[in-house]
Amino acid sequence: QVQLVESGGGLVQAGGSLRLSCAASGSIFRINDMGWYRQAPGKQRELVATITSGGTTNYADSVKGRFTISRDNTKNAVFLQMNSLKPEDTAVYYCNAMVRPWSGRVGDYWGQGTQVTVSS
C-alpha cells in the first residue's frame, strides 16, 4: 500500500506565498512522475505542475513564473512553492504520484488534498 500525505496549505493574502509538501510512504520501489493538481469549487480538477524523476518540469500556463515544483527523491517527496498568489489560485490542491510498488504494477496515487485560500 502507498500513501501520499500533503501539508502546507492555508489562508494567505493576495501576493503572498505558500509552500506545499507531499511525502509518499509505503511499499515503494520507485516513483516516476509526481505532480500537483487543484480543484476549485464547481470546477474540474486541473493540472498545476508535474516533475519527472529526472527533474523535468511542466506547468500550467496560469502558474508559470509564479509556482515552482521540486522533489527530493531520497525522501519520496514533492514540493510546490507558490509565490505571487492570486484569489483565482484558491482551490484544494492534490498531490499525485505514479508509483511502482515492490509487488504489482505501476499505480496512480493521490493525496487527500490540502486547502489553499487566497484572499483579495
PDB file of N, CA and C in Angstrom:
ATOM      1  N   GLN A   1       0.850  -1.198   0.000  1.00  0.00           N
ATOM      2  CA  GLN A   1       0.000   0.000   0.000  1.00  0.00           C
ATOM      3  C   GLN A   1       0.879   1.239   0.000  1.00  0.00           C
ATOM      4  N   VAL A   2       0.429   2.249  -0.705  1.00  0.00           N
ATOM      5  CA  VAL A   2       1.161   3.511  -0.806  1.00  0.00           C
ATOM      6  C   VAL A   2       0.266   4.642  -0.320  1.00  0.00           C
ATOM      7  N   GLN A   3       0.834   5.542   0.451  1.00  0.00           N
ATOM      8  CA  GLN A   3       0.087   6.702   0.931  1.00  0.00           C
ATOM      9  C   GLN A   3       0.830   7.977   0.563  1.00  0.00           C
ATOM     10  N   LEU A   4       0.050   8.997   0.226  1.00  0.00           N
ATOM     11  CA  LEU A   4       0.585  10.337  -0.017  1.00  0.00           C
ATOM     12  C   LEU A   4      -0.045  11.277   1.003  1.00  0.00           C
ATOM     13  N   VAL A   5       0.783  12.034   1.688  1.00  0.00           N
ATOM     14  CA  VAL A   5       0.288  12.957   2.703  1.00  0.00           C
ATOM     15  C   VAL A   5       0.792  14.356   2.389  1.00  0.00           C
ATOM     16  N   GLU A   6      -0.168  15.282   2.214  1.00  0.00           N
ATOM     17  CA  GLU A   6       0.181  16.668   1.899  1.00  0.00           C
ATOM     18  C   GLU A   6       0.161  17.522   3.160  1.00  0.00           C
ATOM     19  N   SER A   7       0.885  18.622   3.098  1.00  0.00           N
ATOM     20  CA  SER A   7       0.863  19.617   4.167  1.00  0.00           C
ATOM     21  C   SER A   7       1.233  20.971   3.580  1.00  0.00           C
ATOM     22  N   GLY A   8       0.906  22.026   4.329  1.00  0.00           N
ATOM     23  CA  GLY A   8       1.350  23.357   3.931  1.00  0.00           C
ATOM     24  C   GLY A   8       0.282  24.281   3.411  1.00  0.00           C
ATOM     25  N   GLY A   9      -0.938  23.809   3.274  1.00  0.00           N
ATOM     26  CA  GLY A   9      -1.995  24.693   2.808  1.00  0.00           C
ATOM     27  C   GLY A   9      -2.375  25.705   3.876  1.00  0.00           C
ATOM     28  N   GLY A  10      -3.265  26.622   3.502  1.00  0.00           N
ATOM     29  CA  GLY A  10      -3.707  27.613   4.467  1.00  0.00           C
ATOM     30  C   GLY A  10      -4.317  28.821   3.801  1.00  0.00           C
ATOM     31  N   LEU A  11      -4.456  29.878   4.603  1.00  0.00           N
ATOM     32  CA  LEU A  11      -5.044  31.130   4.148  1.00  0.00           C
ATOM     33  C   LEU A  11      -3.937  32.168   4.005  1.00  0.00           C
ATOM     34  N   VAL A  12      -3.931  32.851   2.867  1.00  0.00           N
ATOM     35  CA  VAL A  12      -2.907  33.854   2.611  1.00  0.00           C
ATOM     36  C   VAL A  12      -3.528  34.996   1.814  1.00  0.00           C
ATOM     37  N   GLN A  13      -2.979  36.181   1.979  1.00  0.00           N
ATOM     38  CA  GLN A  13      -3.460  37.322   1.200  1.00  0.00           C
ATOM     39  C   GLN A  13      -2.886  37.291  -0.209  1.00  0.00           C
ATOM     40  N   ALA A  14      -3.585  37.909  -1.122  1.00  0.00           N
ATOM     41  CA  ALA A  14      -3.100  38.012  -2.497  1.00  0.00           C
ATOM     42  C   ALA A  14      -1.703  38.626  -2.509  1.00  0.00           C
ATOM     43  N   GLY A  15      -0.842  38.039  -3.335  1.00  0.00           N
ATOM     44  CA  GLY A  15       0.539  38.475  -3.391  1.00  0.00           C
ATOM     45  C   GLY A  15       1.460  37.709  -2.471  1.00  0.00           C
ATOM     46  N   GLY A  16       0.885  36.921  -1.587  1.00  0.00           N
ATOM     47  CA  GLY A  16       1.677  36.164  -0.630  1.00  0.00           C
ATOM     48  C   GLY A  16       2.178  34.846  -1.199  1.00  0.00           C
ATOM     49  N   SER A  17       2.795  34.062  -0.324  1.00  0.00           N
ATOM     50  CA  SER A  17       3.414  32.801  -0.731  1.00  0.00           C
ATOM     51  C   SER A  17       3.016  31.663   0.209  1.00  0.00           C
ATOM     52  N   LEU A  18       3.005  30.476  -0.337  1.00  0.00           N
ATOM     53  CA  LEU A  18       2.822  29.249   0.437  1.00  0.00           C
ATOM     54  C   LEU A  18       3.695  28.165  -0.177  1.00  0.00           C
ATOM     55  N   ARG A  19       4.079  27.207   0.649  1.00  0.00           N
ATOM     56  CA  ARG A  19       4.854  26.059   0.165  1.00  0.00           C
ATOM     57  C   ARG A  19       4.126  24.795   0.567  1.00  0.00           C
ATOM     58  N   LEU A  20       3.767  24.004  -0.426  1.00  0.00           N
ATOM     59  CA  LEU A  20       3.105  22.722  -0.184  1.00  0.00           C
ATOM     60  C   LEU A  20       4.141  21.602  -0.216  1.00  0.00           C
ATOM     61  N   SER A  21       3.919  20.621   0.643  1.00  0.00           N
ATOM     62  CA  SER A  21       4.781  19.445   0.682  1.00  0.00           C
ATOM     63  C   SER A  21       3.932  18.198   0.575  1.00  0.00           C
ATOM     64  N   CYS A  22       4.515  17.160   0.013  1.00  0.00           N
ATOM     65  CA  CYS A  22       3.826  15.874  -0.097  1.00  0.00           C
ATOM     66  C   CYS A  22       4.864  14.778   0.049  1.00  0.00           C
ATOM     67  N   ALA A  23       4.614  13.865   0.973  1.00  0.00           N
ATOM     68  CA  ALA A  23       5.521  12.745   1.198  1.00  0.00           C
ATOM     69  C   ALA A  23       4.813  11.437   0.905  1.00  0.00           C
ATOM     70  N   ALA A  24       5.471  10.596   0.154  1.00  0.00           N
ATOM     71  CA  ALA A  24       4.940   9.266  -0.154  1.00  0.00           C
ATOM     72  C   ALA A  24       5.585   8.243   0.764  1.00  0.00           C
ATOM     73  N   SER A  25       4.777   7.287   1.195  1.00  0.00           N
ATOM     74  CA  SER A  25       5.298   6.230   2.064  1.00  0.00           C
ATOM     75  C   SER A  25       4.611   4.915   1.731  1.00  0.00           C
ATOM     76  N   GLY A  26       5.218   3.828   2.206  1.00  0.00           N
ATOM     77  CA  GLY A  26       4.643   2.514   1.965  1.00  0.00           C
ATOM     78  C   GLY A  26       5.594   1.638   1.175  1.00  0.00           C
ATOM     79  N   SER A  27       5.005   0.687   0.452  1.00  0.00           N
ATOM     80  CA  SER A  27       5.785  -0.301  -0.287  1.00  0.00           C
ATOM     81  C   SER A  27       6.198   0.267  -1.645  1.00  0.00           C
ATOM     82  N   ILE A  28       7.206   1.129  -1.625  1.00  0.00           N
ATOM     83  CA  ILE A  28       7.609   1.857  -2.826  1.00  0.00           C
ATOM     84  C   ILE A  28       8.926   1.325  -3.365  1.00  0.00           C
ATOM     85  N   PHE A  29       8.912   0.879  -4.628  1.00  0.00           N
ATOM     86  CA  PHE A  29      10.146   0.506  -5.303  1.00  0.00           C
ATOM     87  C   PHE A  29      10.730   1.703  -6.023  1.00  0.00           C
ATOM     88  N   ARG A  30       9.866   2.411  -6.752  1.00  0.00           N
ATOM     89  CA  ARG A  30      10.302   3.588  -7.488  1.00  0.00           C
ATOM     90  C   ARG A  30       9.112   4.511  -7.725  1.00  0.00           C
ATOM     91  N   ILE A  31       9.402   5.820  -7.715  1.00  0.00           N
ATOM     92  CA  ILE A  31       8.373   6.797  -8.069  1.00  0.00           C
ATOM     93  C   ILE A  31       8.751   7.434  -9.400  1.00  0.00           C
ATOM     94  N   ASN A  32       7.858   7.395 -10.332  1.00  0.00           N
ATOM     95  CA  ASN A  32       8.091   8.037 -11.639  1.00  0.00           C
ATOM     96  C   ASN A  32       7.675   9.499 -11.540  1.00  0.00           C
ATOM     97  N   ASP A  33       6.722   9.921 -12.340  1.00  0.00           N
ATOM     98  CA  ASP A  33       6.284  11.315 -12.299  1.00  0.00           C
ATOM     99  C   ASP A  33       5.566  11.630 -10.996  1.00  0.00           C
ATOM    100  N   MET A  34       5.759  12.846 -10.522  1.00  0.00           N
ATOM    101  CA  MET A  34       4.990  13.385  -9.391  1.00  0.00           C
ATOM    102  C   MET A  34       4.400  14.714  -9.827  1.00  0.00           C
ATOM    103  N   GLY A  35       3.335  15.114  -9.166  1.00  0.00           N
ATOM    104  CA  GLY A  35       2.725  16.365  -9.587  1.00  0.00           C
ATOM    105  C   GLY A  35       1.732  16.913  -8.601  1.00  0.00           C
ATOM    106  N   TRP A  36       1.272  18.100  -8.920  1.00  0.00           N
ATOM    107  CA  TRP A  36       0.233  18.776  -8.143  1.00  0.00           C
ATOM    108  C   TRP A  36      -0.923  19.123  -9.069  1.00  0.00           C
ATOM    109  N   TYR A  37      -2.119  18.896  -8.573  1.00  0.00           N
ATOM    110  CA  TYR A  37      -3.347  19.244  -9.264  1.00  0.00           C
ATOM    111  C   TYR A  37      -4.189  20.064  -8.290  1.00  0.00           C
ATOM    112  N   ARG A  38      -5.176  20.759  -8.825  1.00  0.00           N
ATOM    113  CA  ARG A  38      -6.055  21.517  -7.942  1.00  0.00           C
ATOM    114  C   ARG A  38      -7.477  21.477  -8.461  1.00  0.00           C
ATOM    115  N   GLN A  39      -8.399  21.664  -7.523  1.00  0.00           N
ATOM    116  CA  GLN A  39      -9.819  21.676  -7.865  1.00  0.00           C
ATOM    117  C   GLN A  39     -10.497  22.786  -7.101  1.00  0.00           C
ATOM    118  N   ALA A  40     -11.019  23.754  -7.838  1.00  0.00           N
ATOM    119  CA  ALA A  40     -11.777  24.860  -7.242  1.00  0.00           C
ATOM    120  C   ALA A  40     -13.246  24.471  -7.183  1.00  0.00           C
ATOM    121  N   PRO A  41     -14.018  25.099  -6.305  1.00  0.00           N
ATOM    122  CA  PRO A  41     -15.444  24.777  -6.195  1.00  0.00           C
ATOM    123  C   PRO A  41     -16.159  24.922  -7.531  1.00  0.00           C
ATOM    124  N   GLY A  42     -16.898  23.888  -7.915  1.00  0.00           N
ATOM    125  CA  GLY A  42     -17.666  23.932  -9.145  1.00  0.00           C
ATOM    126  C   GLY A  42     -16.859  23.721 -10.411  1.00  0.00           C
ATOM    127  N   LYS A  43     -15.577  23.416 -10.263  1.00  0.00           N
ATOM    128  CA  LYS A  43     -14.723  23.222 -11.433  1.00  0.00           C
ATOM    129  C   LYS A  43     -14.096  21.836 -11.416  1.00  0.00           C
ATOM    130  N   GLN A  44     -13.598  21.428 -12.569  1.00  0.00           N
ATOM    131  CA  GLN A  44     -12.923  20.141 -12.661  1.00  0.00           C
ATOM    132  C   GLN A  44     -11.494  20.253 -12.119  1.00  0.00           C
ATOM    133  N   ARG A  45     -10.973  19.112 -11.705  1.00  0.00           N
ATOM    134  CA  ARG A  45      -9.587  19.081 -11.264  1.00  0.00           C
ATOM    135  C   ARG A  45      -8.677  19.393 -12.449  1.00  0.00           C
ATOM    136  N   GLU A  46      -7.659  20.223 -12.206  1.00  0.00           N
ATOM    137  CA  GLU A  46      -6.759  20.614 -13.283  1.00  0.00           C
ATOM    138  C   GLU A  46      -5.303  20.447 -12.870  1.00  0.00           C
ATOM    139  N   LEU A  47      -4.465  20.247 -13.863  1.00  0.00           N
ATOM    140  CA  LEU A  47      -3.040  20.103 -13.618  1.00  0.00           C
ATOM    141  C   LEU A  47      -2.441  21.453 -13.228  1.00  0.00           C
ATOM    142  N   VAL A  48      -1.584  21.431 -12.225  1.00  0.00           N
ATOM    143  CA  VAL A  48      -0.833  22.626 -11.845  1.00  0.00           C
ATOM    144  C   VAL A  48       0.614  22.502 -12.327  1.00  0.00           C
ATOM    145  N   ALA A  49       1.258  21.405 -11.936  1.00  0.00           N
ATOM    146  CA  ALA A  49       2.653  21.191 -12.318  1.00  0.00           C
ATOM    147  C   ALA A  49       3.011  19.729 -12.132  1.00  0.00           C
ATOM    148  N   THR A  50       3.940  19.264 -12.967  1.00  0.00           N
ATOM    149  CA  THR A  50       4.455  17.911 -12.816  1.00  0.00           C
ATOM    150  C   THR A  50       5.978  17.931 -12.897  1.00  0.00           C
ATOM    151  N   ILE A  51       6.576  16.862 -12.379  1.00  0.00           N
ATOM    152  CA  ILE A  51       8.033  16.738 -12.429  1.00  0.00           C
ATOM    153  C   ILE A  51       8.387  15.268 -12.579  1.00  0.00           C
ATOM    154  N   THR A  52       9.300  14.976 -13.503  1.00  0.00           N
ATOM    155  CA  THR A  52       9.725  13.597 -13.707  1.00  0.00           C
ATOM    156  C   THR A  52      10.769  13.214 -12.660  1.00  0.00           C
ATOM    157  N   SER A  53      11.116  11.950 -12.630  1.00  0.00           N
ATOM    158  CA  SER A  53      12.136  11.502 -11.692  1.00  0.00           C
ATOM    159  C   SER A  53      13.483  12.131 -11.993  1.00  0.00           C
ATOM    160  N   GLY A  54      13.673  12.542 -13.237  1.00  0.00           N
ATOM    161  CA  GLY A  54      14.919  13.196 -13.629  1.00  0.00           C
ATOM    162  C   GLY A  54      14.910  14.693 -13.440  1.00  0.00           C
ATOM    163  N   GLY A  55      13.755  15.249 -13.054  1.00  0.00           N
ATOM    164  CA  GLY A  55      13.693  16.675 -12.765  1.00  0.00           C
ATOM    165  C   GLY A  55      13.098  17.547 -13.849  1.00  0.00           C
ATOM    166  N   THR A  56      12.605  16.951 -14.915  1.00  0.00           N
ATOM    167  CA  THR A  56      11.962  17.748 -15.958  1.00  0.00           C
ATOM    168  C   THR A  56      10.589  18.201 -15.463  1.00  0.00           C
ATOM    169  N   THR A  57      10.318  19.488 -15.615  1.00  0.00           N
ATOM    170  CA  THR A  57       9.089  20.060 -15.088  1.00  0.00           C
ATOM    171  C   THR A  57       8.141  20.516 -16.189  1.00  0.00           C
ATOM    172  N   ASN A  58       6.875  20.601 -15.816  1.00  0.00           N
ATOM    173  CA  ASN A  58       5.826  21.078 -16.712  1.00  0.00           C
ATOM    174  C   ASN A  58       4.831  21.861 -15.875  1.00  0.00           C
ATOM    175  N   TYR A  59       4.402  23.014 -16.381  1.00  0.00           N
ATOM    176  CA  TYR A  59       3.492  23.874 -15.622  1.00  0.00           C
ATOM    177  C   TYR A  59       2.265  24.262 -16.442  1.00  0.00           C
ATOM    178  N   ALA A  60       1.169  24.456 -15.754  1.00  0.00           N
ATOM    179  CA  ALA A  60       0.017  25.077 -16.376  1.00  0.00           C
ATOM    180  C   ALA A  60       0.372  26.524 -16.696  1.00  0.00           C
ATOM    181  N   ASP A  61      -0.166  27.037 -17.798  1.00  0.00           N
ATOM    182  CA  ASP A  61       0.136  28.407 -18.198  1.00  0.00           C
ATOM    183  C   ASP A  61      -0.223  29.403 -17.097  1.00  0.00           C
ATOM    184  N   SER A  62      -1.272  29.109 -16.355  1.00  0.00           N
ATOM    185  CA  SER A  62      -1.765  30.052 -15.346  1.00  0.00           C
ATOM    186  C   SER A  62      -0.815  30.227 -14.165  1.00  0.00           C
ATOM    187  N   VAL A  63       0.134  29.309 -13.990  1.00  0.00           N
ATOM    188  CA  VAL A  63       1.034  29.403 -12.836  1.00  0.00           C
ATOM    189  C   VAL A  63       2.495  29.593 -13.233  1.00  0.00           C
ATOM    190  N   LYS A  64       2.779  29.575 -14.518  1.00  0.00           N
ATOM    191  CA  LYS A  64       4.167  29.733 -14.968  1.00  0.00           C
ATOM    192  C   LYS A  64       4.745  31.048 -14.463  1.00  0.00           C
ATOM    193  N   GLY A  65       5.962  30.974 -13.944  1.00  0.00           N
ATOM    194  CA  GLY A  65       6.620  32.158 -13.434  1.00  0.00           C
ATOM    195  C   GLY A  65       6.282  32.490 -11.999  1.00  0.00           C
ATOM    196  N   ARG A  66       5.266  31.827 -11.446  1.00  0.00           N
ATOM    197  CA  ARG A  66       4.853  32.084 -10.052  1.00  0.00           C
ATOM    198  C   ARG A  66       5.054  30.859  -9.162  1.00  0.00           C
ATOM    199  N   PHE A  67       4.841  29.676  -9.707  1.00  0.00           N
ATOM    200  CA  PHE A  67       4.948  28.433  -8.943  1.00  0.00           C
ATOM    201  C   PHE A  67       6.190  27.665  -9.381  1.00  0.00           C
ATOM    202  N   THR A  68       6.790  26.962  -8.437  1.00  0.00           N
ATOM    203  CA  THR A  68       7.945  26.116  -8.727  1.00  0.00           C
ATOM    204  C   THR A  68       7.750  24.751  -8.080  1.00  0.00           C
ATOM    205  N   ILE A  69       7.823  23.706  -8.898  1.00  0.00           N
ATOM    206  CA  ILE A  69       7.732  22.342  -8.380  1.00  0.00           C
ATOM    207  C   ILE A  69       9.142  21.773  -8.233  1.00  0.00           C
ATOM    208  N   SER A  70       9.351  21.013  -7.185  1.00  0.00           N
ATOM    209  CA  SER A  70      10.631  20.347  -6.969  1.00  0.00           C
ATOM    210  C   SER A  70      10.377  19.031  -6.247  1.00  0.00           C
ATOM    211  N   ARG A  71      11.397  18.198  -6.183  1.00  0.00           N
ATOM    212  CA  ARG A  71      11.230  16.917  -5.490  1.00  0.00           C
ATOM    213  C   ARG A  71      12.537  16.503  -4.848  1.00  0.00           C
ATOM    214  N   ASP A  72      12.402  15.666  -3.837  1.00  0.00           N
ATOM    215  CA  ASP A  72      13.546  15.062  -3.163  1.00  0.00           C
ATOM    216  C   ASP A  72      13.373  13.561  -3.282  1.00  0.00           C
ATOM    217  N   ASN A  73      14.099  12.950  -4.207  1.00  0.00           N
ATOM    218  CA  ASN A  73      13.923  11.525  -4.451  1.00  0.00           C
ATOM    219  C   ASN A  73      14.379  10.682  -3.258  1.00  0.00           C
ATOM    220  N   THR A  74      15.282  11.204  -2.446  1.00  0.00           N
ATOM    221  CA  THR A  74      15.746  10.440  -1.285  1.00  0.00           C
ATOM    222  C   THR A  74      14.673  10.344  -0.207  1.00  0.00           C
ATOM    223  N   LYS A  75      13.715  11.274  -0.245  1.00  0.00           N
ATOM    224  CA  LYS A  75      12.647  11.289   0.753  1.00  0.00           C
ATOM    225  C   LYS A  75      11.287  10.983   0.149  1.00  0.00           C
ATOM    226  N   ASN A  76      11.254  10.640  -1.140  1.00  0.00           N
ATOM    227  CA  ASN A  76       9.985  10.371  -1.837  1.00  0.00           C
ATOM    228  C   ASN A  76       9.009  11.526  -1.650  1.00  0.00           C
ATOM    229  N   ALA A  77       9.524  12.734  -1.811  1.00  0.00           N
ATOM    230  CA  ALA A  77       8.724  13.925  -1.542  1.00  0.00           C
ATOM    231  C   ALA A  77       8.697  14.860  -2.745  1.00  0.00           C
ATOM    232  N   VAL A  78       7.601  15.600  -2.841  1.00  0.00           N
ATOM    233  CA  VAL A  78       7.455  16.621  -3.874  1.00  0.00           C
ATOM    234  C   VAL A  78       6.955  17.893  -3.208  1.00  0.00           C
ATOM    235  N   PHE A  79       7.375  19.029  -3.747  1.00  0.00           N
ATOM    236  CA  PHE A  79       7.053  20.319  -3.150  1.00  0.00           C
ATOM    237  C   PHE A  79       6.490  21.258  -4.210  1.00  0.00           C
ATOM    238  N   LEU A  80       5.714  22.229  -3.757  1.00  0.00           N
ATOM    239  CA  LEU A  80       5.212  23.265  -4.650  1.00  0.00           C
ATOM    240  C   LEU A  80       5.370  24.608  -3.947  1.00  0.00           C
ATOM    241  N   GLN A  81       6.295  25.412  -4.433  1.00  0.00           N
ATOM    242  CA  GLN A  81       6.465  26.761  -3.931  1.00  0.00           C
ATOM    243  C   GLN A  81       5.568  27.683  -4.737  1.00  0.00           C
ATOM    244  N   MET A  82       4.659  28.345  -4.055  1.00  0.00           N
ATOM    245  CA  MET A  82       3.682  29.198  -4.720  1.00  0.00           C
ATOM    246  C   MET A  82       3.910  30.647  -4.290  1.00  0.00           C
ATOM    247  N   ASN A  83       4.287  31.473  -5.240  1.00  0.00           N
ATOM    248  CA  ASN A  83       4.526  32.887  -4.992  1.00  0.00           C
ATOM    249  C   ASN A  83       3.522  33.737  -5.762  1.00  0.00           C
ATOM    250  N   SER A  84       3.417  35.003  -5.363  1.00  0.00           N
ATOM    251  CA  SER A  84       2.503  35.929  -6.041  1.00  0.00           C
ATOM    252  C   SER A  84       1.116  35.326  -6.196  1.00  0.00           C
ATOM    253  N   LEU A  85       0.606  34.782  -5.123  1.00  0.00           N
ATOM    254  CA  LEU A  85      -0.687  34.095  -5.170  1.00  0.00           C
ATOM    255  C   LEU A  85      -1.818  35.058  -5.500  1.00  0.00           C
ATOM    256  N   LYS A  86      -2.791  34.530  -6.227  1.00  0.00           N
ATOM    257  CA  LYS A  86      -3.956  35.289  -6.649  1.00  0.00           C
ATOM    258  C   LYS A  86      -5.220  34.622  -6.094  1.00  0.00           C
ATOM    259  N   PRO A  87      -6.302  35.378  -5.937  1.00  0.00           N
ATOM    260  CA  PRO A  87      -7.553  34.760  -5.463  1.00  0.00           C
ATOM    261  C   PRO A  87      -7.983  33.577  -6.330  1.00  0.00           C
ATOM    262  N   GLU A  88      -7.694  33.627  -7.614  1.00  0.00           N
ATOM    263  CA  GLU A  88      -8.083  32.522  -8.502  1.00  0.00           C
ATOM    264  C   GLU A  88      -7.250  31.262  -8.289  1.00  0.00           C
ATOM    265  N   ASP A  89      -6.231  31.331  -7.454  1.00  0.00           N
ATOM    266  CA  ASP A  89      -5.478  30.131  -7.083  1.00  0.00           C
ATOM    267  C   ASP A  89      -6.161  29.352  -5.956  1.00  0.00           C
ATOM    268  N   THR A  90      -7.219  29.920  -5.407  1.00  0.00           N
ATOM    269  CA  THR A  90      -7.946  29.253  -4.332  1.00  0.00           C
ATOM    270  C   THR A  90      -8.517  27.928  -4.819  1.00  0.00           C
ATOM    271  N   ALA A  91      -8.185  26.850  -4.122  1.00  0.00           N
ATOM    272  CA  ALA A  91      -8.614  25.509  -4.519  1.00  0.00           C
ATOM    273  C   ALA A  91      -8.113  24.510  -3.481  1.00  0.00           C
ATOM    274  N   VAL A  92      -8.584  23.284  -3.629  1.00  0.00           N
ATOM    275  CA  VAL A  92      -7.970  22.167  -2.915  1.00  0.00           C
ATOM    276  C   VAL A  92      -6.859  21.627  -3.814  1.00  0.00           C
ATOM    277  N   TYR A  93      -5.672  21.522  -3.256  1.00  0.00           N
ATOM    278  CA  TYR A  93      -4.508  21.068  -4.009  1.00  0.00           C
ATOM    279  C   TYR A  93      -4.222  19.603  -3.658  1.00  0.00           C
ATOM    280  N   TYR A  94      -4.044  18.802  -4.700  1.00  0.00           N
ATOM    281  CA  TYR A  94      -3.820  17.376  -4.540  1.00  0.00           C
ATOM    282  C   TYR A  94      -2.443  16.986  -5.067  1.00  0.00           C
ATOM    283  N   CYS A  95      -1.773  16.175  -4.301  1.00  0.00           N
ATOM    284  CA  CYS A  95      -0.513  15.583  -4.712  1.00  0.00           C
ATOM    285  C   CYS A  95      -0.798  14.296  -5.492  1.00  0.00           C
ATOM    286  N   ASN A  96       0.000  14.038  -6.515  1.00  0.00           N
ATOM    287  CA  ASN A  96      -0.166  12.844  -7.328  1.00  0.00           C
ATOM    288  C   ASN A  96       1.189  12.212  -7.585  1.00  0.00           C
ATOM    289  N   ALA A  97       1.224  10.883  -7.618  1.00  0.00           N
ATOM    290  CA  ALA A  97       2.484  10.186  -7.908  1.00  0.00           C
ATOM    291  C   ALA A  97       2.206   8.892  -8.642  1.00  0.00           C
ATOM    292  N   MET A  98       3.039   8.640  -9.638  1.00  0.00           N
ATOM    293  CA  MET A  98       2.998   7.348 -10.330  1.00  0.00           C
ATOM    294  C   MET A  98       4.039   6.469  -9.654  1.00  0.00           C
ATOM    295  N   VAL A  99       3.560   5.449  -8.944  1.00  0.00           N
ATOM    296  CA  VAL A  99       4.426   4.663  -8.074  1.00  0.00           C
ATOM    297  C   VAL A  99       4.475   3.225  -8.542  1.00  0.00           C
ATOM    298  N   ARG A 100       5.712   2.710  -8.615  1.00  0.00           N
ATOM    299  CA  ARG A 100       5.856   1.272  -8.816  1.00  0.00           C
ATOM    300  C   ARG A 100       6.134   0.655  -7.444  1.00  0.00           C
ATOM    301  N   PRO A 101       5.215  -0.141  -6.939  1.00  0.00           N
ATOM    302  CA  PRO A 101       5.448  -0.776  -5.645  1.00  0.00           C
ATOM    303  C   PRO A 101       6.390  -1.971  -5.789  1.00  0.00           C
ATOM    304  N   TRP A 102       6.824  -2.519  -4.680  1.00  0.00           N
ATOM    305  CA  TRP A 102       7.701  -3.691  -4.704  1.00  0.00           C
ATOM    306  C   TRP A 102       7.015  -4.874  -5.352  1.00  0.00           C
ATOM    307  N   SER A 103       5.724  -4.954  -5.225  1.00  0.00           N
ATOM    308  CA  SER A 103       4.973  -6.002  -5.916  1.00  0.00           C
ATOM    309  C   SER A 103       3.792  -5.364  -6.619  1.00  0.00           C
ATOM    310  N   GLY A 104       3.546  -5.799  -7.835  1.00  0.00           N
ATOM    311  CA  GLY A 104       2.433  -5.240  -8.587  1.00  0.00           C
ATOM    312  C   GLY A 104       2.884  -4.227  -9.619  1.00  0.00           C
ATOM    313  N   ARG A 105       1.894  -3.662 -10.299  1.00  0.00           N
ATOM    314  CA  ARG A 105       2.161  -2.751 -11.404  1.00  0.00           C
ATOM    315  C   ARG A 105       2.235  -1.311 -10.934  1.00  0.00           C
ATOM    316  N   VAL A 106       2.697  -0.441 -11.787  1.00  0.00           N
ATOM    317  CA  VAL A 106       2.712   0.989 -11.518  1.00  0.00           C
ATOM    318  C   VAL A 106       1.286   1.458 -11.277  1.00  0.00           C
ATOM    319  N   GLY A 107       1.108   2.244 -10.245  1.00  0.00           N
ATOM    320  CA  GLY A 107      -0.210   2.753  -9.901  1.00  0.00           C
ATOM    321  C   GLY A 107      -0.206   4.258  -9.781  1.00  0.00           C
ATOM    322  N   ASP A 108      -1.375   4.843  -9.917  1.00  0.00           N
ATOM    323  CA  ASP A 108      -1.589   6.287  -9.852  1.00  0.00           C
ATOM    324  C   ASP A 108      -2.172   6.584  -8.471  1.00  0.00           C
ATOM    325  N   TYR A 109      -1.421   7.296  -7.647  1.00  0.00           N
ATOM    326  CA  TYR A 109      -1.837   7.533  -6.270  1.00  0.00           C
ATOM    327  C   TYR A 109      -2.082   9.024  -6.022  1.00  0.00           C
ATOM    328  N   TRP A 110      -3.025   9.298  -5.123  1.00  0.00           N
ATOM    329  CA  TRP A 110      -3.410  10.674  -4.807  1.00  0.00           C
ATOM    330  C   TRP A 110      -3.379  10.901  -3.299  1.00  0.00           C
ATOM    331  N   GLY A 111      -3.039  12.129  -2.925  1.00  0.00           N
ATOM    332  CA  GLY A 111      -3.162  12.535  -1.541  1.00  0.00           C
ATOM    333  C   GLY A 111      -4.594  12.933  -1.226  1.00  0.00           C
ATOM    334  N   GLN A 112      -4.814  13.310   0.028  1.00  0.00           N
ATOM    335  CA  GLN A 112      -6.168  13.633   0.479  1.00  0.00           C
ATOM    336  C   GLN A 112      -6.563  15.062   0.149  1.00  0.00           C
ATOM    337  N   GLY A 113      -5.598  15.869  -0.231  1.00  0.00           N
ATOM    338  CA  GLY A 113      -5.880  17.252  -0.592  1.00  0.00           C
ATOM    339  C   GLY A 113      -5.614  18.212   0.552  1.00  0.00           C
ATOM    340  N   THR A 114      -5.168  19.407   0.198  1.00  0.00           N
ATOM    341  CA  THR A 114      -4.951  20.462   1.191  1.00  0.00           C
ATOM    342  C   THR A 114      -5.527  21.766   0.634  1.00  0.00           C
ATOM    343  N   GLN A 115      -6.257  22.471   1.493  1.00  0.00           N
ATOM    344  CA  GLN A 115      -6.958  23.683   1.050  1.00  0.00           C
ATOM    345  C   GLN A 115      -5.995  24.864   0.995  1.00  0.00           C
ATOM    346  N   VAL A 116      -6.038  25.579  -0.114  1.00  0.00           N
ATOM    347  CA  VAL A 116      -5.325  26.849  -0.261  1.00  0.00           C
ATOM    348  C   VAL A 116      -6.366  27.926  -0.549  1.00  0.00           C
ATOM    349  N   THR A 117      -6.394  28.949   0.295  1.00  0.00           N
ATOM    350  CA  THR A 117      -7.339  30.043   0.133  1.00  0.00           C
ATOM    351  C   THR A 117      -6.563  31.348   0.044  1.00  0.00           C
ATOM    352  N   VAL A 118      -6.804  32.092  -1.034  1.00  0.00           N
ATOM    353  CA  VAL A 118      -6.123  33.368  -1.238  1.00  0.00           C
ATOM    354  C   VAL A 118      -7.166  34.472  -1.179  1.00  0.00           C
ATOM    355  N   SER A 119      -7.010  35.353  -0.213  1.00  0.00           N
ATOM    356  CA  SER A 119      -7.969  36.441  -0.048  1.00  0.00           C
ATOM    357  C   SER A 119      -7.504  37.678  -0.819  1.00  0.00           C
ATOM    358  N   SER A 120      -8.485  38.431  -1.283  1.00  0.00           N
ATOM    359  CA  SER A 120      -8.159  39.635  -2.074  1.00  0.00           C
ATOM    360  C   SER A 120      -8.016  40.862  -1.199  1.00  0.00           C
TER     361      SER A 120
END
